[in-house]
């Protein structure tokens, strides 16, 4: 379902590069050696398109809420620093295009696709099977649980002197925004008795947002996709099982390709 569409067109020659600090985030500025009229006009048009797609315009929003960056192949993606919920529904897919000539022409589409929000579950203390089932029950209280991968046993990652983990991945559908969702996951962990003592230490339950559709999100509370996803077989294998064609929004690799590469296989 399309939640919002926004378009903007801007005469590049009319752009004043002195406005770069107002329009660009620090990451957008640092990603470009020289800030040109064309670059600034493109980012301005993209952000105006985004605000229009939200249905709010600039009202209540800031140019610093979102960065438009380039992948290694040059394609553009959005990195959301503050997720603003559109008027009617949340969105979990973000589509963007930008063209330059004498004008910068930008389009943004916000889409809600059922599911495609993936939660990683891990546990290595107590009754591990029971912990996973309880966590899934809690997820059912805050979302629609659509699919659950097989449970696999894996060696600890990072800090190795601890018991093995049981892991799985769950696909859910929810109207919670990304930050609302991570807050709910932390509440579930607390209800189940998780105590955070050391990084990568033993835990009764661990709940991570691996993907929220194709959104890229970075703020003080949340980084999505999971920052180290592609190196963690206990995430990659269950994701490959659930949706081998799902594409990582940053590397633009399918789960099948990531799984194959992590196993050291040739395609």
C-alpha atoms as a PDB file:
ATOM      1  CA  UNK A   1       0.000   0.000   0.000  1.00  0.00           C
ATOM      2  CA  UNK A   2       1.322   3.439  -0.957  1.00  0.00           C
ATOM      3  CA  UNK A   3       1.313   5.680   2.118  1.00  0.00           C
ATOM      4  CA  UNK A   4       2.652   8.848   0.517  1.00  0.00           C
ATOM      5  CA  UNK A   5       4.169  10.284  -2.638  1.00  0.00           C
ATOM      6  CA  UNK A   6       6.238  13.446  -2.819  1.00  0.00           C
ATOM      7  CA  UNK A   7       7.875  15.292  -5.722  1.00  0.00           C
ATOM      8  CA  UNK A   8       9.978  18.408  -5.952  1.00  0.00           C
ATOM      9  CA  UNK A   9      11.781  20.332  -8.691  1.00  0.00           C
ATOM     10  CA  UNK A  10      14.399  23.018  -8.135  1.00  0.00           C
ATOM     11  CA  UNK A  11      16.335  25.333 -10.468  1.00  0.00           C
ATOM     12  CA  UNK A  12      19.945  24.491  -9.611  1.00  0.00           C
ATOM     13  CA  UNK A  13      21.239  27.953 -10.562  1.00  0.00           C
ATOM     14  CA  UNK A  14      19.111  29.535  -7.820  1.00  0.00           C
ATOM     15  CA  UNK A  15      20.654  27.516  -4.982  1.00  0.00           C
ATOM     16  CA  UNK A  16      22.946  29.331  -2.539  1.00  0.00           C
ATOM     17  CA  UNK A  17      25.661  26.968  -1.262  1.00  0.00           C
ATOM     18  CA  UNK A  18      25.895  29.107   1.891  1.00  0.00           C
ATOM     19  CA  UNK A  19      22.762  27.256   3.036  1.00  0.00           C
ATOM     20  CA  UNK A  20      24.594  23.926   3.202  1.00  0.00           C
ATOM     21  CA  UNK A  21      24.702  23.772   7.026  1.00  0.00           C
ATOM     22  CA  UNK A  22      20.969  24.325   7.230  1.00  0.00           C
ATOM     23  CA  UNK A  23      20.043  21.781   4.559  1.00  0.00           C
ATOM     24  CA  UNK A  24      22.692  19.061   4.895  1.00  0.00           C
ATOM     25  CA  UNK A  25      23.374  16.731   7.799  1.00  0.00           C
ATOM     26  CA  UNK A  26      26.960  16.241   8.951  1.00  0.00           C
ATOM     27  CA  UNK A  27      27.047  12.873   7.181  1.00  0.00           C
ATOM     28  CA  UNK A  28      25.851  14.383   3.897  1.00  0.00           C
ATOM     29  CA  UNK A  29      28.491  17.101   4.142  1.00  0.00           C
ATOM     30  CA  UNK A  30      31.324  14.711   5.003  1.00  0.00           C
ATOM     31  CA  UNK A  31      30.408  12.349   2.158  1.00  0.00           C
ATOM     32  CA  UNK A  32      31.125  15.033  -0.449  1.00  0.00           C
ATOM     33  CA  UNK A  33      34.563  16.601  -0.897  1.00  0.00           C
ATOM     34  CA  UNK A  34      33.103  19.780  -2.398  1.00  0.00           C
ATOM     35  CA  UNK A  35      29.535  20.970  -1.839  1.00  0.00           C
ATOM     36  CA  UNK A  36      28.269  22.075  -5.236  1.00  0.00           C
ATOM     37  CA  UNK A  37      25.037  23.761  -6.245  1.00  0.00           C
ATOM     38  CA  UNK A  38      23.944  20.544  -7.918  1.00  0.00           C
ATOM     39  CA  UNK A  39      24.555  18.420  -4.803  1.00  0.00           C
ATOM     40  CA  UNK A  40      22.825  20.877  -2.487  1.00  0.00           C
ATOM     41  CA  UNK A  41      19.867  21.312  -4.841  1.00  0.00           C
ATOM     42  CA  UNK A  42      19.446  17.539  -5.083  1.00  0.00           C
ATOM     43  CA  UNK A  43      19.409  17.055  -1.312  1.00  0.00           C
ATOM     44  CA  UNK A  44      17.013  19.960  -0.846  1.00  0.00           C
ATOM     45  CA  UNK A  45      14.638  18.535  -3.453  1.00  0.00           C
ATOM     46  CA  UNK A  46      14.847  15.050  -1.914  1.00  0.00           C
ATOM     47  CA  UNK A  47      14.028  16.342   1.557  1.00  0.00           C
ATOM     48  CA  UNK A  48      11.159  18.469   0.298  1.00  0.00           C
ATOM     49  CA  UNK A  49       9.818  15.380  -1.508  1.00  0.00           C
ATOM     50  CA  UNK A  50      10.084  13.367   1.711  1.00  0.00           C
ATOM     51  CA  UNK A  51       8.198  15.962   3.745  1.00  0.00           C
ATOM     52  CA  UNK A  52       5.475  16.048   1.080  1.00  0.00           C
ATOM     53  CA  UNK A  53       5.226  12.242   1.099  1.00  0.00           C
ATOM     54  CA  UNK A  54       4.714  12.370   4.864  1.00  0.00           C
ATOM     55  CA  UNK A  55       1.775  14.702   4.259  1.00  0.00           C
ATOM     56  CA  UNK A  56       3.180  17.248   6.703  1.00  0.00           C
ATOM     57  CA  UNK A  57       5.474  19.463   4.677  1.00  0.00           C
ATOM     58  CA  UNK A  58       8.339  20.936   6.677  1.00  0.00           C
ATOM     59  CA  UNK A  59       5.973  21.708   9.564  1.00  0.00           C
ATOM     60  CA  UNK A  60       7.257  19.886  12.651  1.00  0.00           C
ATOM     61  CA  UNK A  61      10.195  18.390  10.763  1.00  0.00           C
ATOM     62  CA  UNK A  62      13.810  19.353  10.193  1.00  0.00           C
ATOM     63  CA  UNK A  63      16.263  18.985   7.323  1.00  0.00           C
ATOM     64  CA  UNK A  64      18.431  17.208   9.911  1.00  0.00           C
ATOM     65  CA  UNK A  65      15.867  14.405  10.343  1.00  0.00           C
ATOM     66  CA  UNK A  66      17.100  12.530   7.281  1.00  0.00           C
ATOM     67  CA  UNK A  67      20.243  12.057   5.203  1.00  0.00           C
ATOM     68  CA  UNK A  68      20.300  11.114   1.538  1.00  0.00           C
ATOM     69  CA  UNK A  69      23.504   9.227   0.833  1.00  0.00           C
ATOM     70  CA  UNK A  70      25.053   7.188  -1.967  1.00  0.00           C
ATOM     71  CA  UNK A  71      25.830   3.484  -1.901  1.00  0.00           C
ATOM     72  CA  UNK A  72      29.090   2.245  -3.406  1.00  0.00           C
ATOM     73  CA  UNK A  73      27.346   1.783  -6.755  1.00  0.00           C
ATOM     74  CA  UNK A  74      26.202   5.433  -6.701  1.00  0.00           C
ATOM     75  CA  UNK A  75      22.528   4.741  -6.044  1.00  0.00           C
ATOM     76  CA  UNK A  76      20.760   6.912  -3.469  1.00  0.00           C
ATOM     77  CA  UNK A  77      19.250   5.741  -0.211  1.00  0.00           C
ATOM     78  CA  UNK A  78      17.720   7.502   2.761  1.00  0.00           C
ATOM     79  CA  UNK A  79      19.118   7.240   6.282  1.00  0.00           C
ATOM     80  CA  UNK A  80      16.379   8.217   8.725  1.00  0.00           C
ATOM     81  CA  UNK A  81      17.456   9.898  11.955  1.00  0.00           C
ATOM     82  CA  UNK A  82      13.965  10.700  13.207  1.00  0.00           C
ATOM     83  CA  UNK A  83      11.125   8.522  11.973  1.00  0.00           C
ATOM     84  CA  UNK A  84       8.053  10.693  11.453  1.00  0.00           C
ATOM     85  CA  UNK A  85       4.823   8.729  11.225  1.00  0.00           C
ATOM     86  CA  UNK A  86       2.606   9.811   8.314  1.00  0.00           C
ATOM     87  CA  UNK A  87      -0.968  10.820   9.046  1.00  0.00           C
ATOM     88  CA  UNK A  88      -2.621   7.435   8.560  1.00  0.00           C
ATOM     89  CA  UNK A  89      -0.152   4.527   8.796  1.00  0.00           C
ATOM     90  CA  UNK A  90       3.465   3.643   9.343  1.00  0.00           C
ATOM     91  CA  UNK A  91       5.670   2.791   6.385  1.00  0.00           C
ATOM     92  CA  UNK A  92       8.440   0.221   6.096  1.00  0.00           C
ATOM     93  CA  UNK A  93       9.669   0.743   2.531  1.00  0.00           C
ATOM     94  CA  UNK A  94      11.276   3.906   1.175  1.00  0.00           C
ATOM     95  CA  UNK A  95      11.744   4.505  -2.580  1.00  0.00           C
ATOM     96  CA  UNK A  96      13.692   7.456  -3.921  1.00  0.00           C
ATOM     97  CA  UNK A  97      14.847   8.832  -7.269  1.00  0.00           C
ATOM     98  CA  UNK A  98      16.836  11.927  -8.230  1.00  0.00           C
ATOM     99  CA  UNK A  99      17.664  13.406 -11.639  1.00  0.00           C
ATOM    100  CA  UNK A 100      19.798  16.440 -12.570  1.00  0.00           C
ATOM    101  CA  UNK A 101      19.910  18.706 -15.593  1.00  0.00           C
ATOM    102  CA  UNK A 102      19.284  22.422 -15.228  1.00  0.00           C
ATOM    103  CA  UNK A 103      16.884  21.335 -12.529  1.00  0.00           C
ATOM    104  CA  UNK A 104      17.054  18.849  -9.676  1.00  0.00           C
ATOM    105  CA  UNK A 105      13.988  16.593  -9.839  1.00  0.00           C
ATOM    106  CA  UNK A 106      13.283  14.301  -6.888  1.00  0.00           C
ATOM    107  CA  UNK A 107      10.596  11.774  -5.999  1.00  0.00           C
ATOM    108  CA  UNK A 108       9.940   9.851  -2.782  1.00  0.00           C
ATOM    109  CA  UNK A 109       7.427   7.055  -2.257  1.00  0.00           C
ATOM    110  CA  UNK A 110       6.606   5.693   1.200  1.00  0.00           C
ATOM    111  CA  UNK A 111       5.092   2.220   1.185  1.00  0.00           C
ATOM    112  CA  UNK A 112       3.588  -0.131   3.757  1.00  0.00           C
ATOM    113  CA  UNK A 113       4.239  -3.797   2.930  1.00  0.00           C
ATOM    114  CA  UNK A 114       2.745  -6.443   5.187  1.00  0.00           C
ATOM    115  CA  UNK A 115       5.463  -8.062   7.271  1.00  0.00           C
ATOM    116  CA  UNK A 116       9.086  -7.703   6.165  1.00  0.00           C
ATOM    117  CA  UNK A 117      10.041  -6.633   9.699  1.00  0.00           C
ATOM    118  CA  UNK A 118      12.459  -9.171  11.108  1.00  0.00           C
ATOM    119  CA  UNK A 119      13.362  -9.755  14.767  1.00  0.00           C
ATOM    120  CA  UNK A 120      16.353 -11.838  15.818  1.00  0.00           C
ATOM    121  CA  UNK A 121      15.941 -13.900  18.998  1.00  0.00           C
ATOM    122  CA  UNK A 122      18.810 -15.384  20.997  1.00  0.00           C
ATOM    123  CA  UNK A 123      19.207 -17.058  24.383  1.00  0.00           C
ATOM    124  CA  UNK A 124      21.919 -19.012  26.235  1.00  0.00           C
ATOM    125  CA  UNK A 125      20.718 -19.088  29.855  1.00  0.00           C
ATOM    126  CA  UNK A 126      18.071 -21.206  31.568  1.00  0.00           C
ATOM    127  CA  UNK A 127      15.601 -23.248  29.535  1.00  0.00           C
ATOM    128  CA  UNK A 128      16.562 -21.897  26.135  1.00  0.00           C
ATOM    129  CA  UNK A 129      13.711 -23.480  24.169  1.00  0.00           C
ATOM    130  CA  UNK A 130      11.195 -22.143  26.672  1.00  0.00           C
ATOM    131  CA  UNK A 131      12.776 -18.682  26.557  1.00  0.00           C
ATOM    132  CA  UNK A 132      12.285 -18.482  22.791  1.00  0.00           C
ATOM    133  CA  UNK A 133       8.657 -19.621  22.996  1.00  0.00           C
ATOM    134  CA  UNK A 134       7.931 -17.053  25.718  1.00  0.00           C
ATOM    135  CA  UNK A 135       9.562 -14.305  23.663  1.00  0.00           C
ATOM    136  CA  UNK A 136       7.409 -15.210  20.652  1.00  0.00           C
ATOM    137  CA  UNK A 137       4.289 -15.105  22.833  1.00  0.00           C
ATOM    138  CA  UNK A 138       5.269 -11.605  23.960  1.00  0.00           C
ATOM    139  CA  UNK A 139       5.819 -10.577  20.335  1.00  0.00           C
ATOM    140  CA  UNK A 140       2.303 -11.787  19.535  1.00  0.00           C
ATOM    141  CA  UNK A 141       0.992  -9.302  22.109  1.00  0.00           C
ATOM    142  CA  UNK A 142       2.497  -6.317  20.256  1.00  0.00           C
ATOM    143  CA  UNK A 143       2.440  -7.483  16.617  1.00  0.00           C
ATOM    144  CA  UNK A 144       1.240 -10.058  14.129  1.00  0.00           C
ATOM    145  CA  UNK A 145       3.779 -12.882  14.039  1.00  0.00           C
ATOM    146  CA  UNK A 146       3.804 -14.123  10.431  1.00  0.00           C
ATOM    147  CA  UNK A 147       6.714 -16.563  10.242  1.00  0.00           C
ATOM    148  CA  UNK A 148       9.179 -18.197  12.620  1.00  0.00           C
ATOM    149  CA  UNK A 149      12.393 -19.783  11.401  1.00  0.00           C
ATOM    150  CA  UNK A 150      13.794 -23.026  12.678  1.00  0.00           C
ATOM    151  CA  UNK A 151      15.728 -22.741  15.930  1.00  0.00           C
ATOM    152  CA  UNK A 152      19.459 -23.325  15.505  1.00  0.00           C
ATOM    153  CA  UNK A 153      22.242 -23.767  18.053  1.00  0.00           C
ATOM    154  CA  UNK A 154      25.322 -21.608  17.554  1.00  0.00           C
ATOM    155  CA  UNK A 155      28.610 -20.890  19.282  1.00  0.00           C
ATOM    156  CA  UNK A 156      28.835 -17.571  21.159  1.00  0.00           C
ATOM    157  CA  UNK A 157      29.938 -14.567  19.110  1.00  0.00           C
ATOM    158  CA  UNK A 158      32.355 -11.935  20.405  1.00  0.00           C
ATOM    159  CA  UNK A 159      32.764 -13.332  23.928  1.00  0.00           C
ATOM    160  CA  UNK A 160      33.358 -17.060  23.527  1.00  0.00           C
ATOM    161  CA  UNK A 161      33.667 -18.282  27.144  1.00  0.00           C
ATOM    162  CA  UNK A 162      29.939 -18.815  27.691  1.00  0.00           C
ATOM    163  CA  UNK A 163      27.256 -21.404  26.820  1.00  0.00           C
ATOM    164  CA  UNK A 164      26.028 -21.942  23.261  1.00  0.00           C
ATOM    165  CA  UNK A 165      23.034 -19.971  22.022  1.00  0.00           C
ATOM    166  CA  UNK A 166      19.740 -20.977  20.535  1.00  0.00           C
ATOM    167  CA  UNK A 167      18.711 -18.519  17.811  1.00  0.00           C
ATOM    168  CA  UNK A 168      15.858 -17.893  15.423  1.00  0.00           C
ATOM    169  CA  UNK A 169      14.347 -15.065  13.387  1.00  0.00           C
ATOM    170  CA  UNK A 170      10.701 -13.985  13.415  1.00  0.00           C
ATOM    171  CA  UNK A 171       8.895 -12.012  10.716  1.00  0.00           C
ATOM    172  CA  UNK A 172       6.270  -9.655  12.124  1.00  0.00           C
ATOM    173  CA  UNK A 173       3.825  -7.017  10.974  1.00  0.00           C
ATOM    174  CA  UNK A 174       3.224  -4.003  13.184  1.00  0.00           C
ATOM    175  CA  UNK A 175       2.051  -0.408  13.170  1.00  0.00           C
ATOM    176  CA  UNK A 176       4.660   0.465  15.801  1.00  0.00           C
ATOM    177  CA  UNK A 177       7.296   2.851  14.509  1.00  0.00           C
ATOM    178  CA  UNK A 178      10.885   1.573  14.631  1.00  0.00           C
ATOM    179  CA  UNK A 179      11.660   3.416  17.872  1.00  0.00           C
ATOM    180  CA  UNK A 180       8.380   2.324  19.445  1.00  0.00           C
ATOM    181  CA  UNK A 181       9.200  -1.245  18.452  1.00  0.00           C
ATOM    182  CA  UNK A 182      12.690  -1.258  19.991  1.00  0.00           C
ATOM    183  CA  UNK A 183      11.211   0.208  23.169  1.00  0.00           C
ATOM    184  CA  UNK A 184       8.673  -2.650  23.278  1.00  0.00           C
ATOM    185  CA  UNK A 185      11.421  -5.232  22.673  1.00  0.00           C
ATOM    186  CA  UNK A 186      13.453  -3.832  25.550  1.00  0.00           C
ATOM    187  CA  UNK A 187      10.359  -4.082  27.766  1.00  0.00           C
ATOM    188  CA  UNK A 188       9.954  -7.747  26.788  1.00  0.00           C
ATOM    189  CA  UNK A 189      13.596  -8.426  27.653  1.00  0.00           C
ATOM    190  CA  UNK A 190      13.096  -6.779  31.022  1.00  0.00           C
ATOM    191  CA  UNK A 191       9.921  -8.770  31.723  1.00  0.00           C
ATOM    192  CA  UNK A 192      11.816 -11.962  30.962  1.00  0.00           C
ATOM    193  CA  UNK A 193      14.574 -11.064  33.406  1.00  0.00           C
ATOM    194  CA  UNK A 194      17.404  -9.888  31.219  1.00  0.00           C
ATOM    195  CA  UNK A 195      20.099  -8.001  33.110  1.00  0.00           C
ATOM    196  CA  UNK A 196      22.750  -6.193  31.058  1.00  0.00           C
ATOM    197  CA  UNK A 197      26.088  -6.676  32.795  1.00  0.00           C
ATOM    198  CA  UNK A 198      28.692  -6.995  30.027  1.00  0.00           C
ATOM    199  CA  UNK A 199      28.795  -6.545  26.275  1.00  0.00           C
ATOM    200  CA  UNK A 200      28.174  -9.821  24.418  1.00  0.00           C
ATOM    201  CA  UNK A 201      27.745 -11.575  27.762  1.00  0.00           C
ATOM    202  CA  UNK A 202      25.319 -14.417  28.620  1.00  0.00           C
ATOM    203  CA  UNK A 203      21.646 -13.490  28.409  1.00  0.00           C
ATOM    204  CA  UNK A 204      18.304 -15.081  29.082  1.00  0.00           C
ATOM    205  CA  UNK A 205      16.873 -13.362  26.012  1.00  0.00           C
ATOM    206  CA  UNK A 206      18.088 -11.018  23.304  1.00  0.00           C
ATOM    207  CA  UNK A 207      15.736  -9.325  20.823  1.00  0.00           C
ATOM    208  CA  UNK A 208      17.146  -7.357  17.880  1.00  0.00           C
ATOM    209  CA  UNK A 209      15.479  -5.554  14.988  1.00  0.00           C
ATOM    210  CA  UNK A 210      17.387  -6.949  12.018  1.00  0.00           C
ATOM    211  CA  UNK A 211      15.360  -5.228   9.291  1.00  0.00           C
ATOM    212  CA  UNK A 212      12.396  -2.879   9.234  1.00  0.00           C
ATOM    213  CA  UNK A 213      11.493  -3.360   5.574  1.00  0.00           C
ATOM    214  CA  UNK A 214      14.162  -1.617   3.516  1.00  0.00           C
ATOM    215  CA  UNK A 215      14.552   1.310   5.902  1.00  0.00           C
ATOM    216  CA  UNK A 216      17.964   2.503   7.033  1.00  0.00           C
ATOM    217  CA  UNK A 217      17.707   4.114  10.463  1.00  0.00           C
ATOM    218  CA  UNK A 218      20.317   5.607  12.737  1.00  0.00           C
ATOM    219  CA  UNK A 219      19.658   7.520  15.924  1.00  0.00           C
ATOM    220  CA  UNK A 220      20.624   7.344  19.595  1.00  0.00           C
ATOM    221  CA  UNK A 221      18.310   4.402  20.289  1.00  0.00           C
ATOM    222  CA  UNK A 222      18.487   2.368  17.128  1.00  0.00           C
ATOM    223  CA  UNK A 223      20.574   1.243  14.158  1.00  0.00           C
ATOM    224  CA  UNK A 224      18.745  -0.661  11.394  1.00  0.00           C
ATOM    225  CA  UNK A 225      19.674  -2.842   9.558  1.00  0.00           C
ATOM    226  CA  UNK A 226      21.564  -4.560  12.369  1.00  0.00           C
ATOM    227  CA  UNK A 227      25.085  -3.145  12.184  1.00  0.00           C
ATOM    228  CA  UNK A 228      26.900  -6.506  11.949  1.00  0.00           C
ATOM    229  CA  UNK A 229      24.250  -8.631  10.266  1.00  0.00           C
ATOM    230  CA  UNK A 230      26.320  -9.940   7.373  1.00  0.00           C
ATOM    231  CA  UNK A 231      28.972 -11.451   9.679  1.00  0.00           C
ATOM    232  CA  UNK A 232      26.574 -13.350  11.939  1.00  0.00           C
ATOM    233  CA  UNK A 233      25.486 -16.740  10.664  1.00  0.00           C
ATOM    234  CA  UNK A 234      22.953 -17.043  13.496  1.00  0.00           C
ATOM    235  CA  UNK A 235      21.086 -14.142  11.845  1.00  0.00           C
ATOM    236  CA  UNK A 236      21.887 -14.884   8.214  1.00  0.00           C
ATOM    237  CA  UNK A 237      20.884 -18.559   8.140  1.00  0.00           C
ATOM    238  CA  UNK A 238      17.379 -18.029   9.614  1.00  0.00           C
ATOM    239  CA  UNK A 239      16.839 -15.001   7.343  1.00  0.00           C
ATOM    240  CA  UNK A 240      17.856 -17.099   4.342  1.00  0.00           C
ATOM    241  CA  UNK A 241      15.328 -19.713   5.429  1.00  0.00           C
ATOM    242  CA  UNK A 242      12.492 -17.196   5.835  1.00  0.00           C
ATOM    243  CA  UNK A 243      13.111 -15.018   2.774  1.00  0.00           C
ATOM    244  CA  UNK A 244      16.085 -15.889   0.525  1.00  0.00           C
ATOM    245  CA  UNK A 245      15.208 -13.090  -1.916  1.00  0.00           C
ATOM    246  CA  UNK A 246      14.951 -10.324   0.681  1.00  0.00           C
ATOM    247  CA  UNK A 247      17.543  -7.641  -0.157  1.00  0.00           C
ATOM    248  CA  UNK A 248      19.794  -5.927   2.365  1.00  0.00           C
ATOM    249  CA  UNK A 249      19.113  -2.200   1.820  1.00  0.00           C
ATOM    250  CA  UNK A 250      22.768  -1.139   2.122  1.00  0.00           C
ATOM    251  CA  UNK A 251      24.781  -3.851   0.392  1.00  0.00           C
ATOM    252  CA  UNK A 252      21.884  -4.596  -2.001  1.00  0.00           C
ATOM    253  CA  UNK A 253      22.669  -8.311  -1.650  1.00  0.00           C
ATOM    254  CA  UNK A 254      19.969 -10.944  -1.273  1.00  0.00           C
ATOM    255  CA  UNK A 255      19.850 -13.175   1.784  1.00  0.00           C
ATOM    256  CA  UNK A 256      20.779 -16.050  -0.517  1.00  0.00           C
ATOM    257  CA  UNK A 257      23.939 -14.252  -1.669  1.00  0.00           C
ATOM    258  CA  UNK A 258      24.909 -13.219   1.876  1.00  0.00           C
ATOM    259  CA  UNK A 259      24.378 -16.767   3.155  1.00  0.00           C
ATOM    260  CA  UNK A 260      26.437 -18.216   0.293  1.00  0.00           C
ATOM    261  CA  UNK A 261      29.302 -15.760   0.834  1.00  0.00           C
ATOM    262  CA  UNK A 262      29.359 -16.261   4.607  1.00  0.00           C
ATOM    263  CA  UNK A 263      29.622 -20.017   4.115  1.00  0.00           C
ATOM    264  CA  UNK A 264      32.520 -19.415   1.752  1.00  0.00           C
ATOM    265  CA  UNK A 265      30.750 -20.978  -1.198  1.00  0.00           C
ATOM    266  CA  UNK A 266      30.830 -19.896  -4.818  1.00  0.00           C
ATOM    267  CA  UNK A 267      27.556 -18.822  -6.422  1.00  0.00           C
END
